[in-house]
């Protein structure tokens, strides 16, 4: 009788424990799901405009209650991560030309939210205005003036692949010096101060055009293509999970002056996140128009 009497009591305790465990696990799972949904992973490249808009959106999304993780990578692994879902968003894809190869390879897993830049985004070979030539097809004649080198950026960048194509199209006797945007800008600054000839891989928008008097070499063979847009790409699964963020990002637009003012704050010595916070404060009505 004692044993029979204990079984109902043990069953009640067991059921109570199971119920508590189920609730805890269920709540934990829901909380975990919520954490996953509220975390946004943004990949960016060490390009000035990409750094600027990436930190800008980090601050905007944080103010909206999202957790934001930033990952600085080269362009090739960035697209791989975006394709796999290890990254959610990339804010600075040059399309339809510069990063066309990456887009064509991964577009089935990506959404294109459109271009945020209200200007003529372009790439090409850039020289100081004091350089006397004006066209790419004049470079071979002045090879010694440029030491036979085009100063480039990181090797995985789309502009580097396009520059390789331009060298072949124009049969240039030049080598491309690989490095980074920062190293390229140091080289430009040094040459400019010494009034020396230098040719670099350049793009717009970029603050260097306001700091230095520069010009694009004309491209009669259209090796660098036409003007492009700066597109926001997102992983398709992320778009489905976070449609509200997609709506905001599709409203995001900046013109040359607005991009320049944001980059200028960074060039004055502010950390990117501090520059973003100040710019948001100074441009509240514009930012709010994206969030409505």
Protein backbone atom coordinates (compact mmCIF):
# COMPACT_ATOMS: atom_id res chain seq x y z
CA UNK A 1 0.00 0.00 0.00
CA UNK A 2 2.83 2.36 0.77
CA UNK A 3 4.39 1.75 -2.61
CA UNK A 4 1.08 2.25 -4.36
CA UNK A 5 0.52 5.41 -2.39
CA UNK A 6 3.91 6.86 -3.39
CA UNK A 7 3.49 6.44 -7.15
CA UNK A 8 0.83 9.09 -7.64
CA UNK A 9 2.92 11.54 -5.59
CA UNK A 10 6.07 10.80 -7.60
CA UNK A 11 4.15 11.17 -10.85
CA UNK A 12 2.91 14.58 -9.78
CA UNK A 13 6.44 15.70 -8.92
CA UNK A 14 7.80 14.27 -12.15
CA UNK A 15 5.14 15.99 -14.22
CA UNK A 16 5.77 19.25 -12.42
CA UNK A 17 9.49 19.00 -13.12
CA UNK A 18 8.88 18.15 -16.76
CA UNK A 19 6.51 21.08 -17.09
CA UNK A 20 9.05 23.47 -15.56
CA UNK A 21 11.82 22.13 -17.80
CA UNK A 22 9.60 22.41 -20.86
CA UNK A 23 8.72 26.00 -20.03
CA UNK A 24 12.34 26.93 -19.38
CA UNK A 25 13.54 25.29 -22.57
CA UNK A 26 10.68 26.81 -24.54
CA UNK A 27 11.33 30.29 -23.16
CA UNK A 28 15.04 29.88 -23.78
CA UNK A 29 14.40 28.85 -27.36
CA UNK A 30 12.10 31.79 -27.93
CA UNK A 31 14.61 34.15 -26.36
CA UNK A 32 17.36 32.64 -28.49
CA UNK A 33 15.24 33.02 -31.62
CA UNK A 34 14.59 36.63 -30.68
CA UNK A 35 18.32 37.24 -30.25
CA UNK A 36 19.01 35.78 -33.67
CA UNK A 37 16.33 37.95 -35.25
CA UNK A 38 17.55 41.12 -33.57
CA UNK A 39 21.21 40.68 -34.52
CA UNK A 40 22.28 42.22 -37.83
CA UNK A 41 25.64 41.24 -39.31
CA UNK A 42 27.05 43.80 -41.73
CA UNK A 43 30.13 43.13 -43.83
CA UNK A 44 32.24 46.00 -45.10
CA UNK A 45 35.42 46.70 -47.06
CA UNK A 46 38.08 49.24 -46.14
CA UNK A 47 36.74 51.82 -48.58
CA UNK A 48 35.99 55.25 -47.22
CA UNK A 49 32.37 55.45 -48.33
CA UNK A 50 31.69 51.87 -47.21
CA UNK A 51 33.13 52.49 -43.75
CA UNK A 52 31.10 55.69 -43.48
CA UNK A 53 27.69 54.24 -44.41
CA UNK A 54 28.30 50.99 -42.52
CA UNK A 55 28.93 52.77 -39.22
CA UNK A 56 26.06 55.13 -40.01
CA UNK A 57 23.64 52.21 -40.24
CA UNK A 58 25.15 50.52 -37.23
CA UNK A 59 24.17 53.55 -35.16
CA UNK A 60 20.74 53.86 -36.78
CA UNK A 61 19.90 50.20 -36.18
CA UNK A 62 21.23 50.30 -32.62
CA UNK A 63 18.90 53.22 -31.93
CA UNK A 64 16.07 51.07 -33.25
CA UNK A 65 16.94 48.34 -30.74
CA UNK A 66 18.94 45.94 -32.91
CA UNK A 67 22.22 44.31 -32.02
CA UNK A 68 24.72 45.02 -34.81
CA UNK A 69 27.91 43.15 -35.61
CA UNK A 70 30.40 44.52 -38.14
CA UNK A 71 32.92 42.39 -39.99
CA UNK A 72 35.74 43.94 -42.01
CA UNK A 73 36.79 41.60 -44.85
CA UNK A 74 38.04 41.65 -48.44
CA UNK A 75 35.45 41.62 -51.19
CA UNK A 76 35.74 37.93 -52.15
CA UNK A 77 35.16 36.47 -48.65
CA UNK A 78 32.51 39.11 -48.07
CA UNK A 79 30.40 37.78 -50.94
CA UNK A 80 30.99 34.21 -49.77
CA UNK A 81 29.78 35.15 -46.28
CA UNK A 82 26.79 37.00 -47.68
CA UNK A 83 25.90 34.00 -49.82
CA UNK A 84 26.13 31.56 -46.90
CA UNK A 85 24.25 33.77 -44.47
CA UNK A 86 27.28 34.39 -42.25
CA UNK A 87 26.70 38.04 -43.17
CA UNK A 88 23.32 39.71 -43.61
CA UNK A 89 24.04 42.97 -45.43
CA UNK A 90 26.65 44.66 -47.63
CA UNK A 91 26.06 48.38 -48.20
CA UNK A 92 28.55 49.17 -50.97
CA UNK A 93 28.31 46.82 -53.93
CA UNK A 94 29.42 48.52 -57.16
CA UNK A 95 27.04 47.34 -59.87
CA UNK A 96 26.49 46.51 -62.65
CA UNK A 97 30.17 46.48 -63.67
CA UNK A 98 32.83 46.45 -60.95
CA UNK A 99 31.46 43.55 -58.89
CA UNK A 100 29.51 41.94 -61.71
CA UNK A 101 31.40 38.64 -61.43
CA UNK A 102 30.51 38.29 -57.75
CA UNK A 103 26.88 39.24 -58.35
CA UNK A 104 26.47 36.75 -61.18
CA UNK A 105 27.98 33.98 -59.05
CA UNK A 106 25.92 34.56 -55.92
CA UNK A 107 22.77 36.44 -57.02
CA UNK A 108 20.46 33.44 -56.42
CA UNK A 109 21.02 33.82 -52.67
CA UNK A 110 21.02 37.62 -52.58
CA UNK A 111 18.50 40.47 -52.72
CA UNK A 112 19.38 43.81 -54.30
CA UNK A 113 17.80 46.74 -52.42
CA UNK A 114 18.94 49.22 -55.07
CA UNK A 115 21.51 52.02 -55.13
CA UNK A 116 21.72 54.53 -52.28
CA UNK A 117 24.07 56.99 -54.02
CA UNK A 118 22.39 59.86 -55.87
CA UNK A 119 25.31 60.68 -58.09
CA UNK A 120 27.60 59.27 -60.73
CA UNK A 121 29.48 56.40 -59.16
CA UNK A 122 32.43 55.61 -61.36
CA UNK A 123 35.84 54.00 -61.36
CA UNK A 124 38.92 54.57 -63.45
CA UNK A 125 42.53 55.68 -63.47
CA UNK A 126 43.09 58.96 -61.66
CA UNK A 127 45.98 61.43 -61.77
CA UNK A 128 46.65 64.88 -60.28
CA UNK A 129 45.48 67.72 -62.52
CA UNK A 130 49.06 68.93 -62.94
CA UNK A 131 49.82 65.74 -64.91
CA UNK A 132 49.83 66.75 -68.59
CA UNK A 133 48.20 63.65 -70.11
CA UNK A 134 44.44 63.22 -70.21
CA UNK A 135 43.78 59.73 -71.57
CA UNK A 136 44.65 56.15 -70.69
CA UNK A 137 46.00 55.57 -74.17
CA UNK A 138 48.72 58.15 -73.44
CA UNK A 139 50.15 56.25 -70.48
CA UNK A 140 52.72 54.20 -72.39
CA UNK A 141 54.33 57.37 -73.73
CA UNK A 142 54.89 58.60 -70.18
CA UNK A 143 55.80 55.30 -68.54
CA UNK A 144 59.01 56.65 -66.99
CA UNK A 145 57.15 59.57 -65.40
CA UNK A 146 54.96 57.08 -63.53
CA UNK A 147 57.76 54.56 -62.85
CA UNK A 148 55.71 52.06 -64.85
CA UNK A 149 53.30 51.53 -61.94
CA UNK A 150 49.62 52.00 -61.30
CA UNK A 151 49.01 52.29 -57.56
CA UNK A 152 46.09 50.02 -56.68
CA UNK A 153 44.25 48.79 -53.61
CA UNK A 154 43.45 45.33 -52.17
CA UNK A 155 43.88 42.57 -54.77
CA UNK A 156 40.36 41.15 -54.39
CA UNK A 157 38.64 44.44 -55.20
CA UNK A 158 36.57 44.63 -58.36
CA UNK A 159 38.41 47.75 -59.52
CA UNK A 160 41.66 45.77 -59.56
CA UNK A 161 40.17 43.16 -61.88
CA UNK A 162 38.84 45.92 -64.12
CA UNK A 163 42.28 47.57 -64.14
CA UNK A 164 43.79 44.27 -65.28
CA UNK A 165 41.32 44.33 -68.16
CA UNK A 166 42.24 47.94 -68.99
CA UNK A 167 45.94 47.05 -69.12
CA UNK A 168 45.16 44.36 -71.68
CA UNK A 169 42.73 46.52 -73.67
CA UNK A 170 45.24 49.36 -73.95
CA UNK A 171 48.32 47.11 -74.09
CA UNK A 172 49.89 49.08 -71.22
CA UNK A 173 53.44 48.32 -70.13
CA UNK A 174 52.57 48.85 -66.49
CA UNK A 175 52.37 46.77 -63.34
CA UNK A 176 49.66 47.22 -60.72
CA UNK A 177 50.96 47.79 -57.21
CA UNK A 178 48.63 45.92 -54.85
CA UNK A 179 48.01 47.15 -51.34
CA UNK A 180 45.05 48.85 -49.68
CA UNK A 181 43.05 52.04 -49.99
CA UNK A 182 45.00 53.52 -47.07
CA UNK A 183 48.36 52.72 -48.68
CA UNK A 184 47.21 54.13 -51.99
CA UNK A 185 46.16 57.38 -50.33
CA UNK A 186 49.50 57.69 -48.54
CA UNK A 187 51.27 57.29 -51.88
CA UNK A 188 48.98 59.87 -53.47
CA UNK A 189 49.51 62.38 -50.68
CA UNK A 190 53.30 62.03 -50.84
CA UNK A 191 53.43 62.38 -54.64
CA UNK A 192 51.02 65.30 -54.61
CA UNK A 193 53.02 67.25 -52.04
CA UNK A 194 56.18 66.68 -54.09
CA UNK A 195 54.43 67.52 -57.37
CA UNK A 196 55.35 64.10 -58.77
CA UNK A 197 53.40 62.12 -61.32
CA UNK A 198 51.29 59.29 -60.00
CA UNK A 199 48.42 57.24 -61.40
CA UNK A 200 46.04 55.43 -59.05
CA UNK A 201 42.91 53.32 -59.19
CA UNK A 202 40.20 55.80 -58.20
CA UNK A 203 36.47 55.93 -57.69
CA UNK A 204 33.67 58.35 -56.90
CA UNK A 205 32.28 59.13 -54.42
CA UNK A 206 35.51 59.71 -52.50
CA UNK A 207 36.73 62.53 -50.29
CA UNK A 208 40.11 62.65 -52.06
CA UNK A 209 38.50 64.64 -54.88
CA UNK A 210 37.73 67.46 -52.44
CA UNK A 211 41.17 67.37 -50.81
CA UNK A 212 43.27 67.16 -53.98
CA UNK A 213 42.86 68.51 -57.51
CA UNK A 214 42.47 65.28 -59.43
CA UNK A 215 41.08 64.09 -62.76
CA UNK A 216 40.06 60.83 -64.37
CA UNK A 217 42.01 59.80 -67.43
CA UNK A 218 39.54 59.46 -70.28
CA UNK A 219 38.71 55.90 -71.24
CA UNK A 220 37.91 55.82 -74.99
CA UNK A 221 37.75 52.01 -75.03
CA UNK A 222 35.33 51.96 -72.07
CA UNK A 223 37.48 49.42 -70.22
CA UNK A 224 36.11 50.74 -66.93
CA UNK A 225 32.56 50.86 -68.23
CA UNK A 226 29.94 53.47 -67.56
CA UNK A 227 28.82 55.10 -64.32
CA UNK A 228 27.45 52.70 -61.71
CA UNK A 229 25.31 52.56 -58.60
CA UNK A 230 26.29 51.74 -55.02
CA UNK A 231 23.91 48.91 -54.21
CA UNK A 232 22.78 47.41 -50.91
CA UNK A 233 22.81 43.62 -51.01
CA UNK A 234 21.23 41.32 -48.44
CA UNK A 235 21.07 37.60 -47.89
CA UNK A 236 17.63 36.38 -49.01
CA UNK A 237 16.92 34.59 -45.73
CA UNK A 238 17.71 37.78 -43.83
CA UNK A 239 15.29 39.72 -46.05
CA UNK A 240 12.52 37.33 -45.09
CA UNK A 241 13.36 37.40 -41.38
CA UNK A 242 13.87 41.17 -41.16
CA UNK A 243 11.57 42.84 -43.72
CA UNK A 244 11.40 46.06 -41.67
CA UNK A 245 15.13 46.63 -42.10
CA UNK A 246 14.79 46.05 -45.83
CA UNK A 247 12.10 48.74 -46.02
CA UNK A 248 14.38 51.25 -44.27
CA UNK A 249 17.40 50.45 -46.38
CA UNK A 250 15.43 50.81 -49.62
CA UNK A 251 14.61 54.41 -48.59
CA UNK A 252 18.26 55.24 -47.83
CA UNK A 253 19.63 57.88 -50.26
CA UNK A 254 22.62 60.24 -50.10
CA UNK A 255 23.93 62.82 -52.55
CA UNK A 256 27.55 63.93 -53.02
CA UNK A 257 27.37 66.66 -50.39
CA UNK A 258 25.83 64.35 -47.81
CA UNK A 259 28.37 61.58 -48.41
CA UNK A 260 31.18 64.14 -48.30
CA UNK A 261 30.00 65.67 -45.03
CA UNK A 262 29.93 62.24 -43.38
CA UNK A 263 33.38 61.29 -44.66
CA UNK A 264 34.70 64.72 -43.69
CA UNK A 265 33.86 64.10 -40.03
CA UNK A 266 35.94 60.91 -40.14
CA UNK A 267 38.83 62.71 -41.83
CA UNK A 268 38.79 65.33 -39.09
CA UNK A 269 39.83 62.65 -36.63
CA UNK A 270 36.52 61.34 -35.27
CA UNK A 271 36.16 57.61 -34.88
CA UNK A 272 33.68 56.22 -37.45
CA UNK A 273 31.03 55.54 -34.81
CA UNK A 274 31.41 59.04 -33.35
CA UNK A 275 31.29 60.60 -36.81
CA UNK A 276 28.11 58.64 -37.51
CA UNK A 277 26.47 59.79 -34.26
CA UNK A 278 27.28 63.45 -34.94
CA UNK A 279 26.10 63.21 -38.55
CA UNK A 280 22.82 61.62 -37.46
CA UNK A 281 22.30 64.42 -34.95
CA UNK A 282 23.01 67.04 -37.63
CA UNK A 283 20.73 65.36 -40.20
CA UNK A 284 17.79 64.18 -38.12
CA UNK A 285 15.06 64.99 -40.63
CA UNK A 286 16.86 63.14 -43.42
CA UNK A 287 17.48 60.08 -41.24
CA UNK A 288 13.86 60.10 -40.06
CA UNK A 289 12.68 60.05 -43.68
CA UNK A 290 14.33 56.64 -44.06
CA UNK A 291 12.70 55.30 -40.90
CA UNK A 292 9.10 56.40 -41.44
